[in-house]
Amino acid sequence: MRYVLLICDDETDAPSNEEMAADPVHQAWEADLERRGAEIVGMRLRPVVDATTVTVREGETLVSDGPFAETKDFVGGVVIVDCANLDEAIEIAAGHPYARRGGIEIRPVWE
């Protein structure tokens, strides 16, 4: 079953890609995924300052800069894991370094 992990964090204190690559916790998480054989696809998102929000109300398309959220934590990346079940997805999310910094929202893929 596939699950999407939405990686949420406060961007003002986010590590660089280089810092993440050198982080032993992140390396251990990637090694755990490989050990499990959990197929993953993932990507880090650009900061929210680069976001554009589109809404349609009464037939009118509204475009605004940035996200439309009243929070300091934003989705900073997504990871799609193909694993056995929700319990395994929870274990995988709990091992992600950002579970200690922000939060990981798990959503099953509607297939």
C-alpha atoms as a PDB file:
ATOM      1  CA  MET A   1       0.000   0.000   0.000  1.00  0.00           C
ATOM      2  CA  ARG A   2       1.228   3.491  -0.742  1.00  0.00           C
ATOM      3  CA  TYR A   3       1.277   6.329   1.773  1.00  0.00           C
ATOM      4  CA  VAL A   4       2.278   9.963   1.386  1.00  0.00           C
ATOM      5  CA  LEU A   5       4.318  11.436   4.226  1.00  0.00           C
ATOM      6  CA  LEU A   6       3.871  15.210   4.367  1.00  0.00           C
ATOM      7  CA  ILE A   7       6.991  16.615   6.002  1.00  0.00           C
ATOM      8  CA  CYS A   8       5.965  19.656   8.087  1.00  0.00           C
ATOM      9  CA  ASP A   9       8.386  22.013   9.783  1.00  0.00           C
ATOM     10  CA  ASP A  10       9.159  25.615  10.678  1.00  0.00           C
ATOM     11  CA  GLU A  11      11.137  26.832   7.663  1.00  0.00           C
ATOM     12  CA  THR A  12      13.007  29.508   9.588  1.00  0.00           C
ATOM     13  CA  ASP A  13      15.271  26.851  11.099  1.00  0.00           C
ATOM     14  CA  ALA A  14      15.424  24.248   8.327  1.00  0.00           C
ATOM     15  CA  PRO A  15      18.761  22.574   7.529  1.00  0.00           C
ATOM     16  CA  SER A  16      20.260  22.860   4.061  1.00  0.00           C
ATOM     17  CA  ASN A  17      20.251  19.905   1.666  1.00  0.00           C
ATOM     18  CA  GLU A  18      23.953  19.433   2.409  1.00  0.00           C
ATOM     19  CA  GLU A  19      23.346  19.384   6.174  1.00  0.00           C
ATOM     20  CA  MET A  20      20.557  16.829   5.727  1.00  0.00           C
ATOM     21  CA  ALA A  21      22.786  14.603   3.568  1.00  0.00           C
ATOM     22  CA  ALA A  22      25.496  14.686   6.262  1.00  0.00           C
ATOM     23  CA  ASP A  23      23.079  14.102   9.163  1.00  0.00           C
ATOM     24  CA  PRO A  24      23.582  10.632  10.698  1.00  0.00           C
ATOM     25  CA  VAL A  25      19.889  10.455  11.676  1.00  0.00           C
ATOM     26  CA  HIS A  26      18.826  11.106   8.077  1.00  0.00           C
ATOM     27  CA  GLN A  27      21.355   8.572   6.800  1.00  0.00           C
ATOM     28  CA  ALA A  28      20.038   5.984   9.287  1.00  0.00           C
ATOM     29  CA  TRP A  29      16.459   6.654   8.157  1.00  0.00           C
ATOM     30  CA  GLU A  30      17.388   6.094   4.513  1.00  0.00           C
ATOM     31  CA  ALA A  31      19.258   2.894   5.464  1.00  0.00           C
ATOM     32  CA  ASP A  32      16.174   1.679   7.364  1.00  0.00           C
ATOM     33  CA  LEU A  33      13.995   2.227   4.285  1.00  0.00           C
ATOM     34  CA  GLU A  34      16.468   0.283   2.163  1.00  0.00           C
ATOM     35  CA  ARG A  35      16.552  -2.542   4.732  1.00  0.00           C
ATOM     36  CA  ARG A  36      12.751  -2.737   4.702  1.00  0.00           C
ATOM     37  CA  GLY A  37      12.647  -2.730   0.921  1.00  0.00           C
ATOM     38  CA  ALA A  38      10.156   0.131   1.186  1.00  0.00           C
ATOM     39  CA  GLU A  39      10.087   1.755  -2.227  1.00  0.00           C
ATOM     40  CA  ILE A  40      10.175   5.527  -1.865  1.00  0.00           C
ATOM     41  CA  VAL A  41       9.829   8.596  -4.012  1.00  0.00           C
ATOM     42  CA  GLY A  42      10.504  11.907  -2.348  1.00  0.00           C
ATOM     43  CA  MET A  43      11.371  15.506  -2.872  1.00  0.00           C
ATOM     44  CA  ARG A  44      12.020  18.590  -0.861  1.00  0.00           C
ATOM     45  CA  LEU A  45       9.929  21.634  -1.664  1.00  0.00           C
ATOM     46  CA  ARG A  46      11.134  25.194  -2.150  1.00  0.00           C
ATOM     47  CA  PRO A  47      10.277  27.631   0.691  1.00  0.00           C
ATOM     48  CA  VAL A  48       6.720  28.904   1.094  1.00  0.00           C
ATOM     49  CA  VAL A  49       7.830  32.320  -0.121  1.00  0.00           C
ATOM     50  CA  ASP A  50       7.979  30.698  -3.587  1.00  0.00           C
ATOM     51  CA  ALA A  51       4.461  29.210  -3.289  1.00  0.00           C
ATOM     52  CA  THR A  52       1.380  30.246  -5.238  1.00  0.00           C
ATOM     53  CA  THR A  53      -2.126  29.405  -4.064  1.00  0.00           C
ATOM     54  CA  VAL A  54      -4.981  28.988  -6.536  1.00  0.00           C
ATOM     55  CA  THR A  55      -8.637  28.960  -5.531  1.00  0.00           C
ATOM     56  CA  VAL A  56     -11.804  29.135  -7.602  1.00  0.00           C
ATOM     57  CA  ARG A  57     -14.874  30.792  -6.088  1.00  0.00           C
ATOM     58  CA  GLU A  58     -18.093  31.301  -8.012  1.00  0.00           C
ATOM     59  CA  GLY A  59     -16.281  30.675 -11.272  1.00  0.00           C
ATOM     60  CA  GLU A  60     -13.525  33.214 -10.582  1.00  0.00           C
ATOM     61  CA  THR A  61      -9.912  32.028 -10.339  1.00  0.00           C
ATOM     62  CA  LEU A  62      -8.016  33.732  -7.547  1.00  0.00           C
ATOM     63  CA  VAL A  63      -4.218  33.544  -7.441  1.00  0.00           C
ATOM     64  CA  SER A  64      -2.223  34.677  -4.420  1.00  0.00           C
ATOM     65  CA  ASP A  65       1.433  34.549  -3.445  1.00  0.00           C
ATOM     66  CA  GLY A  66       2.417  32.127  -0.741  1.00  0.00           C
ATOM     67  CA  PRO A  67       0.381  29.523   1.085  1.00  0.00           C
ATOM     68  CA  PHE A  68      -2.944  30.186   2.702  1.00  0.00           C
ATOM     69  CA  ALA A  69      -2.294  28.960   6.211  1.00  0.00           C
ATOM     70  CA  GLU A  70      -2.156  30.553   9.628  1.00  0.00           C
ATOM     71  CA  THR A  71       0.706  28.524  11.015  1.00  0.00           C
ATOM     72  CA  LYS A  72       4.463  28.629  11.247  1.00  0.00           C
ATOM     73  CA  ASP A  73       4.757  24.981  10.183  1.00  0.00           C
ATOM     74  CA  PHE A  74       4.422  24.327   6.471  1.00  0.00           C
ATOM     75  CA  VAL A  75       4.728  21.289   4.235  1.00  0.00           C
ATOM     76  CA  GLY A  76       8.372  21.317   3.216  1.00  0.00           C
ATOM     77  CA  GLY A  77       8.509  18.036   1.359  1.00  0.00           C
ATOM     78  CA  VAL A  78       6.689  14.884   0.442  1.00  0.00           C
ATOM     79  CA  VAL A  79       7.739  11.261   0.514  1.00  0.00           C
ATOM     80  CA  ILE A  80       5.706   8.471  -1.026  1.00  0.00           C
ATOM     81  CA  VAL A  81       6.376   5.070   0.500  1.00  0.00           C
ATOM     82  CA  ASP A  82       5.135   1.723  -0.709  1.00  0.00           C
ATOM     83  CA  CYS A  83       4.984  -0.454   2.389  1.00  0.00           C
ATOM     84  CA  ALA A  84       2.967  -3.255   3.960  1.00  0.00           C
ATOM     85  CA  ASN A  85       0.436  -1.274   6.016  1.00  0.00           C
ATOM     86  CA  LEU A  86      -0.233   1.794   8.152  1.00  0.00           C
ATOM     87  CA  ASP A  87       1.790   0.374  11.054  1.00  0.00           C
ATOM     88  CA  GLU A  88       4.884   0.210   8.853  1.00  0.00           C
ATOM     89  CA  ALA A  89       4.188   3.706   7.485  1.00  0.00           C
ATOM     90  CA  ILE A  90       4.034   4.968  11.094  1.00  0.00           C
ATOM     91  CA  GLU A  91       7.366   3.290  11.889  1.00  0.00           C
ATOM     92  CA  ILE A  92       8.916   4.871   8.783  1.00  0.00           C
ATOM     93  CA  ALA A  93       7.512   8.312   9.635  1.00  0.00           C
ATOM     94  CA  ALA A  94       8.692   8.032  13.245  1.00  0.00           C
ATOM     95  CA  GLY A  95      12.233   7.403  12.013  1.00  0.00           C
ATOM     96  CA  HIS A  96      12.294  10.489   9.777  1.00  0.00           C
ATOM     97  CA  PRO A  97      14.481  13.256  11.252  1.00  0.00           C
ATOM     98  CA  TYR A  98      11.718  15.829  10.813  1.00  0.00           C
ATOM     99  CA  ALA A  99       9.456  13.881  13.173  1.00  0.00           C
ATOM    100  CA  ARG A 100      11.749  15.316  15.887  1.00  0.00           C
ATOM    101  CA  ARG A 101      11.696  18.872  14.493  1.00  0.00           C
ATOM    102  CA  GLY A 102       8.167  19.345  13.176  1.00  0.00           C
ATOM    103  CA  GLY A 103       5.721  16.635  12.241  1.00  0.00           C
ATOM    104  CA  ILE A 104       4.920  14.015   9.629  1.00  0.00           C
ATOM    105  CA  GLU A 105       1.348  13.684   8.371  1.00  0.00           C
ATOM    106  CA  ILE A 106       0.587  10.292   6.848  1.00  0.00           C
ATOM    107  CA  ARG A 107      -2.065   9.956   4.179  1.00  0.00           C
ATOM    108  CA  PRO A 108      -2.983   6.774   2.341  1.00  0.00           C
ATOM    109  CA  VAL A 109      -3.004   7.115  -1.442  1.00  0.00           C
ATOM    110  CA  TRP A 110      -6.457   6.658  -2.892  1.00  0.00           C
ATOM    111  CA  GLU A 111      -5.993   3.945  -5.497  1.00  0.00           C
END
